[in-house]
Amino acid sequence: MISLVLFIPMLALPAFWLAPAPIALSFYALVLLGCLATYFYLSRLRRRYASTLRQLLYGRSGAVIQIAPYLRVHIEGEPWSAQSGEALRSVTGCSCMR
């Protein structure tokens, strides 16, 4: 979804038809720089949220949905991918450790 911000400069291209080249170029440069700044700001926010989400799940309990080919657990109504430090054959519950 964040990458849609990079599409906005395409909408500013008609400025080259409506205004003289120096004015259109400066307008387009402002739109492009604004979109790039917004893109990098939103991508940093997204990464920061992902790290705090991990902290929110710490210590929660859930149910194992699937073991093979990869481990899937159900924690507070949402399915999550998981990892185990040891081989699993059958499990009934789980707890978030990191």
N, C-alpha and C. Protein backbone atom coordinates (compact mmCIF):
# COMPACT_ATOMS: atom_id res chain seq x y z
N MET A 1 0.81 -1.19 0.00
CA MET A 1 0.00 0.00 0.00
C MET A 1 0.86 1.26 0.00
N ILE A 2 1.98 1.20 0.73
CA ILE A 2 2.82 2.39 0.82
C ILE A 2 3.37 2.76 -0.56
N SER A 3 3.61 1.78 -1.40
CA SER A 3 4.19 2.07 -2.70
C SER A 3 3.24 2.87 -3.60
N LEU A 4 1.96 2.95 -3.26
CA LEU A 4 1.04 3.78 -4.04
C LEU A 4 1.40 5.25 -3.95
N VAL A 5 2.10 5.65 -2.89
CA VAL A 5 2.55 7.03 -2.75
C VAL A 5 3.49 7.39 -3.90
N LEU A 6 4.23 6.41 -4.38
CA LEU A 6 5.17 6.66 -5.48
C LEU A 6 4.46 6.87 -6.81
N PHE A 7 3.18 6.59 -6.89
CA PHE A 7 2.42 6.79 -8.12
C PHE A 7 1.94 8.24 -8.27
N ILE A 8 1.89 8.99 -7.19
CA ILE A 8 1.37 10.36 -7.21
C ILE A 8 2.11 11.27 -8.19
N PRO A 9 3.45 11.18 -8.34
CA PRO A 9 4.11 12.04 -9.33
C PRO A 9 3.61 11.82 -10.76
N MET A 10 3.10 10.64 -11.05
CA MET A 10 2.52 10.40 -12.38
C MET A 10 1.31 11.30 -12.61
N LEU A 11 0.58 11.59 -11.55
CA LEU A 11 -0.59 12.45 -11.67
C LEU A 11 -0.21 13.92 -11.88
N ALA A 12 1.04 14.27 -11.58
CA ALA A 12 1.50 15.65 -11.75
C ALA A 12 2.10 15.89 -13.14
N LEU A 13 2.23 14.88 -13.95
CA LEU A 13 2.80 15.04 -15.29
C LEU A 13 2.02 15.99 -16.21
N PRO A 14 0.71 16.06 -16.11
CA PRO A 14 0.00 17.02 -16.98
C PRO A 14 0.41 18.48 -16.76
N ALA A 15 1.13 18.77 -15.71
CA ALA A 15 1.61 20.14 -15.49
C ALA A 15 2.51 20.58 -16.64
N PHE A 16 3.18 19.64 -17.30
CA PHE A 16 4.04 19.98 -18.42
C PHE A 16 3.23 20.43 -19.64
N TRP A 17 1.97 20.03 -19.73
CA TRP A 17 1.10 20.48 -20.82
C TRP A 17 0.46 21.82 -20.51
N LEU A 18 0.25 22.09 -19.21
CA LEU A 18 -0.52 23.26 -18.81
C LEU A 18 0.33 24.49 -18.47
N ALA A 19 1.60 24.30 -18.18
CA ALA A 19 2.44 25.43 -17.76
C ALA A 19 3.74 25.43 -18.55
N PRO A 20 4.43 26.57 -18.58
CA PRO A 20 5.75 26.61 -19.22
C PRO A 20 6.72 25.64 -18.53
N ALA A 21 7.70 25.19 -19.26
CA ALA A 21 8.62 24.15 -18.78
C ALA A 21 9.28 24.49 -17.44
N PRO A 22 9.84 25.68 -17.21
CA PRO A 22 10.50 25.92 -15.91
C PRO A 22 9.53 25.83 -14.72
N ILE A 23 8.32 26.34 -14.90
CA ILE A 23 7.34 26.28 -13.82
C ILE A 23 6.88 24.84 -13.60
N ALA A 24 6.61 24.14 -14.67
CA ALA A 24 6.15 22.75 -14.56
C ALA A 24 7.23 21.87 -13.94
N LEU A 25 8.49 22.11 -14.32
CA LEU A 25 9.59 21.30 -13.77
C LEU A 25 9.75 21.54 -12.27
N SER A 26 9.65 22.80 -11.83
CA SER A 26 9.78 23.06 -10.40
C SER A 26 8.59 22.47 -9.63
N PHE A 27 7.39 22.56 -10.18
CA PHE A 27 6.21 21.97 -9.56
C PHE A 27 6.37 20.45 -9.44
N TYR A 28 6.82 19.81 -10.53
CA TYR A 28 6.98 18.36 -10.54
C TYR A 28 8.06 17.93 -9.54
N ALA A 29 9.14 18.72 -9.45
CA ALA A 29 10.21 18.39 -8.50
C ALA A 29 9.70 18.46 -7.06
N LEU A 30 8.86 19.45 -6.76
CA LEU A 30 8.29 19.55 -5.41
C LEU A 30 7.38 18.36 -5.10
N VAL A 31 6.56 18.00 -6.07
CA VAL A 31 5.66 16.85 -5.87
C VAL A 31 6.48 15.57 -5.68
N LEU A 32 7.51 15.38 -6.49
CA LEU A 32 8.34 14.19 -6.41
C LEU A 32 9.07 14.11 -5.07
N LEU A 33 9.67 15.20 -4.64
CA LEU A 33 10.37 15.20 -3.36
C LEU A 33 9.41 14.98 -2.19
N GLY A 34 8.24 15.58 -2.26
CA GLY A 34 7.25 15.36 -1.21
C GLY A 34 6.80 13.91 -1.13
N CYS A 35 6.61 13.30 -2.27
CA CYS A 35 6.19 11.89 -2.29
C CYS A 35 7.29 10.97 -1.78
N LEU A 36 8.54 11.24 -2.16
CA LEU A 36 9.65 10.42 -1.67
C LEU A 36 9.81 10.57 -0.15
N ALA A 37 9.68 11.79 0.35
CA ALA A 37 9.78 12.00 1.80
C ALA A 37 8.65 11.26 2.53
N THR A 38 7.46 11.33 2.00
CA THR A 38 6.32 10.63 2.59
C THR A 38 6.52 9.13 2.56
N TYR A 39 7.04 8.60 1.45
CA TYR A 39 7.29 7.17 1.32
C TYR A 39 8.28 6.68 2.37
N PHE A 40 9.40 7.39 2.53
CA PHE A 40 10.40 6.96 3.50
C PHE A 40 9.90 7.12 4.94
N TYR A 41 9.12 8.14 5.20
CA TYR A 41 8.54 8.32 6.53
C TYR A 41 7.58 7.17 6.87
N LEU A 42 6.71 6.83 5.93
CA LEU A 42 5.74 5.75 6.17
C LEU A 42 6.42 4.39 6.29
N SER A 43 7.49 4.16 5.51
CA SER A 43 8.19 2.88 5.61
C SER A 43 8.89 2.74 6.96
N ARG A 44 9.41 3.84 7.50
CA ARG A 44 10.03 3.78 8.83
C ARG A 44 8.97 3.53 9.90
N LEU A 45 7.81 4.15 9.76
CA LEU A 45 6.73 3.91 10.71
C LEU A 45 6.30 2.45 10.71
N ARG A 46 6.24 1.87 9.53
CA ARG A 46 5.82 0.48 9.41
C ARG A 46 6.81 -0.45 10.10
N ARG A 47 8.11 -0.18 9.94
CA ARG A 47 9.11 -1.01 10.61
C ARG A 47 9.05 -0.86 12.12
N ARG A 48 8.81 0.35 12.60
CA ARG A 48 8.75 0.58 14.04
C ARG A 48 7.55 -0.15 14.64
N TYR A 49 6.42 -0.16 13.96
CA TYR A 49 5.23 -0.85 14.45
C TYR A 49 5.48 -2.35 14.56
N ALA A 50 6.19 -2.92 13.60
CA ALA A 50 6.45 -4.36 13.61
C ALA A 50 7.28 -4.74 14.83
N SER A 51 8.20 -3.92 15.28
CA SER A 51 9.00 -4.27 16.44
C SER A 51 8.18 -4.16 17.73
N THR A 52 7.27 -3.22 17.81
CA THR A 52 6.44 -3.11 19.01
C THR A 52 5.40 -4.21 19.06
N LEU A 53 4.96 -4.69 17.91
CA LEU A 53 4.00 -5.78 17.88
C LEU A 53 4.60 -7.03 18.51
N ARG A 54 5.87 -7.28 18.27
CA ARG A 54 6.56 -8.41 18.86
C ARG A 54 6.54 -8.30 20.39
N GLN A 55 6.71 -7.10 20.90
CA GLN A 55 6.68 -6.90 22.35
C GLN A 55 5.28 -7.13 22.91
N LEU A 56 4.26 -6.79 22.15
CA LEU A 56 2.89 -7.01 22.62
C LEU A 56 2.55 -8.50 22.71
N LEU A 57 3.14 -9.32 21.85
CA LEU A 57 2.84 -10.75 21.84
C LEU A 57 3.63 -11.53 22.89
N TYR A 58 4.66 -10.93 23.46
CA TYR A 58 5.50 -11.63 24.42
C TYR A 58 4.68 -12.12 25.61
N GLY A 59 4.81 -13.40 25.92
CA GLY A 59 4.12 -13.99 27.06
C GLY A 59 2.70 -14.45 26.78
N ARG A 60 2.17 -14.21 25.59
CA ARG A 60 0.81 -14.62 25.26
C ARG A 60 0.78 -16.12 24.95
N SER A 61 -0.36 -16.73 25.16
CA SER A 61 -0.54 -18.15 24.86
C SER A 61 -1.44 -18.30 23.66
N GLY A 62 -1.27 -19.42 22.96
CA GLY A 62 -2.09 -19.67 21.79
C GLY A 62 -2.19 -21.15 21.48
N ALA A 63 -2.83 -21.46 20.38
CA ALA A 63 -3.01 -22.84 19.95
C ALA A 63 -2.27 -23.07 18.64
N VAL A 64 -1.70 -24.26 18.52
CA VAL A 64 -0.99 -24.62 17.29
C VAL A 64 -2.01 -25.07 16.26
N ILE A 65 -1.94 -24.48 15.07
CA ILE A 65 -2.86 -24.81 13.99
C ILE A 65 -2.26 -25.88 13.08
N GLN A 66 -0.99 -25.71 12.76
CA GLN A 66 -0.34 -26.57 11.76
C GLN A 66 1.12 -26.74 12.14
N ILE A 67 1.65 -27.94 11.96
CA ILE A 67 3.06 -28.19 12.28
C ILE A 67 3.88 -28.31 11.01
N ALA A 68 3.40 -29.05 10.02
CA ALA A 68 4.20 -29.25 8.81
C ALA A 68 3.50 -28.59 7.64
N PRO A 69 4.14 -28.05 6.69
CA PRO A 69 5.59 -27.92 6.49
C PRO A 69 6.20 -26.78 7.30
N TYR A 70 5.39 -25.90 7.87
CA TYR A 70 5.91 -24.85 8.75
C TYR A 70 4.93 -24.67 9.90
N LEU A 71 5.42 -24.13 10.98
CA LEU A 71 4.62 -24.00 12.19
C LEU A 71 3.70 -22.79 12.12
N ARG A 72 2.41 -23.00 12.35
CA ARG A 72 1.41 -21.91 12.38
C ARG A 72 0.71 -21.98 13.72
N VAL A 73 0.55 -20.82 14.36
CA VAL A 73 -0.13 -20.76 15.66
C VAL A 73 -1.25 -19.74 15.59
N HIS A 74 -2.20 -19.87 16.49
CA HIS A 74 -3.35 -18.98 16.57
C HIS A 74 -3.27 -18.27 17.92
N ILE A 75 -2.97 -16.95 17.91
CA ILE A 75 -2.82 -16.19 19.15
C ILE A 75 -3.82 -15.04 19.13
N GLU A 76 -4.68 -15.01 20.13
CA GLU A 76 -5.69 -13.96 20.28
C GLU A 76 -6.50 -13.72 19.01
N GLY A 77 -6.93 -14.80 18.38
CA GLY A 77 -7.80 -14.68 17.23
C GLY A 77 -7.11 -14.45 15.90
N GLU A 78 -5.78 -14.43 15.87
CA GLU A 78 -5.06 -14.19 14.62
C GLU A 78 -4.06 -15.31 14.35
N PRO A 79 -3.95 -15.75 13.10
CA PRO A 79 -2.94 -16.77 12.77
C PRO A 79 -1.56 -16.12 12.60
N TRP A 80 -0.51 -16.79 13.10
CA TRP A 80 0.86 -16.29 13.03
C TRP A 80 1.79 -17.42 12.59
N SER A 81 2.88 -17.06 11.94
CA SER A 81 3.95 -18.02 11.68
C SER A 81 4.81 -18.09 12.93
N ALA A 82 5.41 -19.26 13.18
CA ALA A 82 6.20 -19.42 14.39
C ALA A 82 7.42 -20.27 14.10
N GLN A 83 8.34 -20.30 15.05
CA GLN A 83 9.54 -21.12 14.98
C GLN A 83 9.70 -21.86 16.29
N SER A 84 10.31 -23.03 16.20
CA SER A 84 10.57 -23.82 17.39
C SER A 84 12.04 -24.21 17.40
N GLY A 85 12.64 -24.21 18.58
CA GLY A 85 14.04 -24.58 18.69
C GLY A 85 14.27 -26.08 18.63
N GLU A 86 13.21 -26.87 18.69
CA GLU A 86 13.34 -28.33 18.65
C GLU A 86 12.30 -28.91 17.70
N ALA A 87 12.52 -30.15 17.29
CA ALA A 87 11.59 -30.81 16.37
C ALA A 87 10.27 -31.11 17.09
N LEU A 88 9.17 -30.87 16.41
CA LEU A 88 7.85 -31.08 16.99
C LEU A 88 7.11 -32.19 16.26
N ARG A 89 6.42 -33.03 17.03
CA ARG A 89 5.57 -34.05 16.41
C ARG A 89 4.11 -33.72 16.65
N SER A 90 3.78 -33.39 17.90
CA SER A 90 2.40 -32.96 18.19
C SER A 90 2.45 -31.97 19.35
N VAL A 91 1.70 -30.93 19.24
CA VAL A 91 1.67 -29.87 20.25
C VAL A 91 0.23 -29.40 20.39
N THR A 92 -0.16 -29.08 21.60
CA THR A 92 -1.53 -28.57 21.81
C THR A 92 -1.56 -27.09 22.08
N GLY A 93 -0.52 -26.53 22.66
CA GLY A 93 -0.50 -25.10 22.97
C GLY A 93 0.88 -24.52 22.79
N CYS A 94 0.97 -23.20 22.89
CA CYS A 94 2.26 -22.54 22.72
C CYS A 94 2.28 -21.26 23.55
N SER A 95 3.46 -20.71 23.72
CA SER A 95 3.63 -19.46 24.44
C SER A 95 4.71 -18.65 23.73
N CYS A 96 4.51 -17.34 23.60
CA CYS A 96 5.49 -16.47 22.92
C CYS A 96 6.65 -16.18 23.85
N MET A 97 7.84 -16.48 23.39
CA MET A 97 9.02 -16.31 24.25
C MET A 97 9.88 -15.11 23.85
N ARG A 98 9.96 -14.73 22.57
CA ARG A 98 10.74 -13.57 22.17
C ARG A 98 9.96 -12.70 21.26
